Every structure is written in structure tokens, then in C-alpha cells.
Amino acid sequence: MKNAANVSRVIHRMDLSRMEKKVPETLWCFVSEKMKENEP
């Protein structure tokens, strides 16, 4: 993945509602916060 932009791109391509069910809540919160930090 190399950087946050690539991770963000992959997440946006996925069905987020489906992903939320499979990812632990703590990881989901971490990813969400990191995505917010990278927004312009």
C-alpha cells in the first residue's frame, strides 16, 4: 500500500458497509481518523 493515499483509495473502492461488519471497531476508528487527517 506504501502510503495513506493508497489505503484511502482502496477503502473508497470497497463497499464500506460490508467492510464495517468485518473490521474490528478499534481498527475502523483508527482508519477513519487517519482518513480525516489526510483530507484537504
PDB file of N, CA and C in Angstrom:
ATOM      1  N   MET A   1       0.821  -1.184   0.000  1.00  0.00           N
ATOM      2  CA  MET A   1       0.000   0.000   0.000  1.00  0.00           C
ATOM      3  C   MET A   1       0.875   1.262   0.000  1.00  0.00           C
ATOM      4  N   LYS A   2       1.980   1.235   0.612  1.00  0.00           N
ATOM      5  CA  LYS A   2       3.002   2.274   0.626  1.00  0.00           C
ATOM      6  C   LYS A   2       2.631   3.563   1.340  1.00  0.00           C
ATOM      7  N   ASN A   3       1.443   4.117   1.147  1.00  0.00           N
ATOM      8  CA  ASN A   3       1.116   5.371   1.836  1.00  0.00           C
ATOM      9  C   ASN A   3      -0.393   5.483   2.090  1.00  0.00           C
ATOM     10  N   ALA A   4      -0.747   6.492   2.868  1.00  0.00           N
ATOM     11  CA  ALA A   4      -2.147   6.671   3.275  1.00  0.00           C
ATOM     12  C   ALA A   4      -3.074   6.915   2.095  1.00  0.00           C
ATOM     13  N   ALA A   5      -2.592   7.595   1.070  1.00  0.00           N
ATOM     14  CA  ALA A   5      -3.441   7.872  -0.093  1.00  0.00           C
ATOM     15  C   ALA A   5      -3.860   6.574  -0.782  1.00  0.00           C
ATOM     16  N   ASN A   6      -2.944   5.628  -0.879  1.00  0.00           N
ATOM     17  CA  ASN A   6      -3.280   4.346  -1.500  1.00  0.00           C
ATOM     18  C   ASN A   6      -4.288   3.579  -0.659  1.00  0.00           C
ATOM     19  N   VAL A   7      -4.116   3.591   0.655  1.00  0.00           N
ATOM     20  CA  VAL A   7      -5.062   2.918   1.546  1.00  0.00           C
ATOM     21  C   VAL A   7      -6.436   3.555   1.403  1.00  0.00           C
ATOM     22  N   SER A   8      -6.471   4.872   1.402  1.00  0.00           N
ATOM     23  CA  SER A   8      -7.738   5.585   1.259  1.00  0.00           C
ATOM     24  C   SER A   8      -8.434   5.225  -0.050  1.00  0.00           C
ATOM     25  N   ARG A   9      -7.675   5.155  -1.121  1.00  0.00           N
ATOM     26  CA  ARG A   9      -8.236   4.827  -2.431  1.00  0.00           C
ATOM     27  C   ARG A   9      -8.854   3.429  -2.419  1.00  0.00           C
ATOM     28  N   VAL A  10      -8.172   2.480  -1.811  1.00  0.00           N
ATOM     29  CA  VAL A  10      -8.690   1.110  -1.747  1.00  0.00           C
ATOM     30  C   VAL A  10      -9.966   1.060  -0.918  1.00  0.00           C
ATOM     31  N   ILE A  11      -9.967   1.763   0.202  1.00  0.00           N
ATOM     32  CA  ILE A  11     -11.151   1.766   1.067  1.00  0.00           C
ATOM     33  C   ILE A  11     -12.355   2.358   0.343  1.00  0.00           C
ATOM     34  N   HIS A  12     -12.141   3.431  -0.381  1.00  0.00           N
ATOM     35  CA  HIS A  12     -13.261   4.056  -1.088  1.00  0.00           C
ATOM     36  C   HIS A  12     -13.795   3.179  -2.205  1.00  0.00           C
ATOM     37  N   ARG A  13     -12.973   2.313  -2.752  1.00  0.00           N
ATOM     38  CA  ARG A  13     -13.436   1.407  -3.812  1.00  0.00           C
ATOM     39  C   ARG A  13     -14.270   0.268  -3.248  1.00  0.00           C
ATOM     40  N   MET A  14     -14.078  -0.040  -1.988  1.00  0.00           N
ATOM     41  CA  MET A  14     -14.779  -1.158  -1.369  1.00  0.00           C
ATOM     42  C   MET A  14     -16.168  -0.717  -0.908  1.00  0.00           C
ATOM     43  N   ASP A  15     -17.003  -1.681  -0.674  1.00  0.00           N
ATOM     44  CA  ASP A  15     -18.321  -1.428  -0.087  1.00  0.00           C
ATOM     45  C   ASP A  15     -18.107  -1.199   1.404  1.00  0.00           C
ATOM     46  N   LEU A  16     -18.183   0.062   1.837  1.00  0.00           N
ATOM     47  CA  LEU A  16     -17.844   0.408   3.214  1.00  0.00           C
ATOM     48  C   LEU A  16     -18.759  -0.262   4.238  1.00  0.00           C
ATOM     49  N   SER A  17     -20.030  -0.390   3.946  1.00  0.00           N
ATOM     50  CA  SER A  17     -20.939  -1.009   4.910  1.00  0.00           C
ATOM     51  C   SER A  17     -20.572  -2.477   5.121  1.00  0.00           C
ATOM     52  N   ARG A  18     -20.154  -3.150   4.078  1.00  0.00           N
ATOM     53  CA  ARG A  18     -19.737  -4.553   4.194  1.00  0.00           C
ATOM     54  C   ARG A  18     -18.435  -4.641   4.982  1.00  0.00           C
ATOM     55  N   MET A  19     -17.538  -3.718   4.736  1.00  0.00           N
ATOM     56  CA  MET A  19     -16.249  -3.734   5.406  1.00  0.00           C
ATOM     57  C   MET A  19     -16.403  -3.459   6.904  1.00  0.00           C
ATOM     58  N   GLU A  20     -17.301  -2.558   7.269  1.00  0.00           N
ATOM     59  CA  GLU A  20     -17.508  -2.223   8.679  1.00  0.00           C
ATOM     60  C   GLU A  20     -17.896  -3.449   9.493  1.00  0.00           C
ATOM     61  N   LYS A  21     -18.626  -4.356   8.908  1.00  0.00           N
ATOM     62  CA  LYS A  21     -19.069  -5.550   9.619  1.00  0.00           C
ATOM     63  C   LYS A  21     -17.918  -6.515   9.895  1.00  0.00           C
ATOM     64  N   LYS A  22     -16.871  -6.482   9.050  1.00  0.00           N
ATOM     65  CA  LYS A  22     -15.781  -7.446   9.167  1.00  0.00           C
ATOM     66  C   LYS A  22     -14.565  -6.912   9.917  1.00  0.00           C
ATOM     67  N   VAL A  23     -14.449  -5.598  10.016  1.00  0.00           N
ATOM     68  CA  VAL A  23     -13.274  -4.983  10.631  1.00  0.00           C
ATOM     69  C   VAL A  23     -13.570  -4.665  12.087  1.00  0.00           C
ATOM     70  N   PRO A  24     -12.646  -4.991  12.999  1.00  0.00           N
ATOM     71  CA  PRO A  24     -12.869  -4.642  14.415  1.00  0.00           C
ATOM     72  C   PRO A  24     -13.093  -3.133  14.575  1.00  0.00           C
ATOM     73  N   GLU A  25     -13.924  -2.766  15.522  1.00  0.00           N
ATOM     74  CA  GLU A  25     -14.297  -1.364  15.710  1.00  0.00           C
ATOM     75  C   GLU A  25     -13.077  -0.481  15.976  1.00  0.00           C
ATOM     76  N   THR A  26     -12.116  -0.974  16.749  1.00  0.00           N
ATOM     77  CA  THR A  26     -10.939  -0.157  17.052  1.00  0.00           C
ATOM     78  C   THR A  26     -10.138   0.150  15.794  1.00  0.00           C
ATOM     79  N   LEU A  27     -10.004  -0.824  14.912  1.00  0.00           N
ATOM     80  CA  LEU A  27      -9.284  -0.594  13.655  1.00  0.00           C
ATOM     81  C   LEU A  27     -10.069   0.365  12.765  1.00  0.00           C
ATOM     82  N   TRP A  28     -11.377   0.190  12.715  1.00  0.00           N
ATOM     83  CA  TRP A  28     -12.214   1.074  11.903  1.00  0.00           C
ATOM     84  C   TRP A  28     -12.091   2.522  12.375  1.00  0.00           C
ATOM     85  N   CYS A  29     -12.073   2.744  13.684  1.00  0.00           N
ATOM     86  CA  CYS A  29     -11.931   4.100  14.232  1.00  0.00           C
ATOM     87  C   CYS A  29     -10.569   4.681  13.869  1.00  0.00           C
ATOM     88  N   PHE A  30      -9.530   3.876  13.967  1.00  0.00           N
ATOM     89  CA  PHE A  30      -8.185   4.332  13.626  1.00  0.00           C
ATOM     90  C   PHE A  30      -8.112   4.757  12.160  1.00  0.00           C
ATOM     91  N   VAL A  31      -8.620   3.928  11.280  1.00  0.00           N
ATOM     92  CA  VAL A  31      -8.590   4.233   9.847  1.00  0.00           C
ATOM     93  C   VAL A  31      -9.410   5.487   9.556  1.00  0.00           C
ATOM     94  N   SER A  32     -10.569   5.605  10.163  1.00  0.00           N
ATOM     95  CA  SER A  32     -11.418   6.776   9.936  1.00  0.00           C
ATOM     96  C   SER A  32     -10.718   8.059  10.374  1.00  0.00           C
ATOM     97  N   GLU A  33     -10.061   8.029  11.523  1.00  0.00           N
ATOM     98  CA  GLU A  33      -9.363   9.217  11.995  1.00  0.00           C
ATOM     99  C   GLU A  33      -8.209   9.582  11.079  1.00  0.00           C
ATOM    100  N   LYS A  34      -7.462   8.586  10.608  1.00  0.00           N
ATOM    101  CA  LYS A  34      -6.334   8.847   9.719  1.00  0.00           C
ATOM    102  C   LYS A  34      -6.824   9.412   8.376  1.00  0.00           C
ATOM    103  N   MET A  35      -7.957   8.940   7.906  1.00  0.00           N
ATOM    104  CA  MET A  35      -8.503   9.454   6.661  1.00  0.00           C
ATOM    105  C   MET A  35      -8.902  10.921   6.829  1.00  0.00           C
ATOM    106  N   LYS A  36      -9.469  11.265   7.980  1.00  0.00           N
ATOM    107  CA  LYS A  36      -9.868  12.644   8.247  1.00  0.00           C
ATOM    108  C   LYS A  36      -8.643  13.558   8.303  1.00  0.00           C
ATOM    109  N   GLU A  37      -7.537  13.057   8.864  1.00  0.00           N
ATOM    110  CA  GLU A  37      -6.306  13.853   8.938  1.00  0.00           C
ATOM    111  C   GLU A  37      -5.759  14.179   7.560  1.00  0.00           C
ATOM    112  N   ASN A  38      -6.003  13.305   6.600  1.00  0.00           N
ATOM    113  CA  ASN A  38      -5.447  13.477   5.261  1.00  0.00           C
ATOM    114  C   ASN A  38      -6.355  14.238   4.311  1.00  0.00           C
ATOM    115  N   GLU A  39      -7.538  14.623   4.794  1.00  0.00           N
ATOM    116  CA  GLU A  39      -8.445  15.396   3.938  1.00  0.00           C
ATOM    117  C   GLU A  39      -7.929  16.823   3.803  1.00  0.00           C
ATOM    118  N   PRO A  40      -8.130  17.408   2.627  1.00  0.00           N
ATOM    119  CA  PRO A  40      -7.662  18.792   2.435  1.00  0.00           C
ATOM    120  C   PRO A  40      -8.421  19.805   3.259  1.00  0.00           C
TER     121      PRO A  40
END
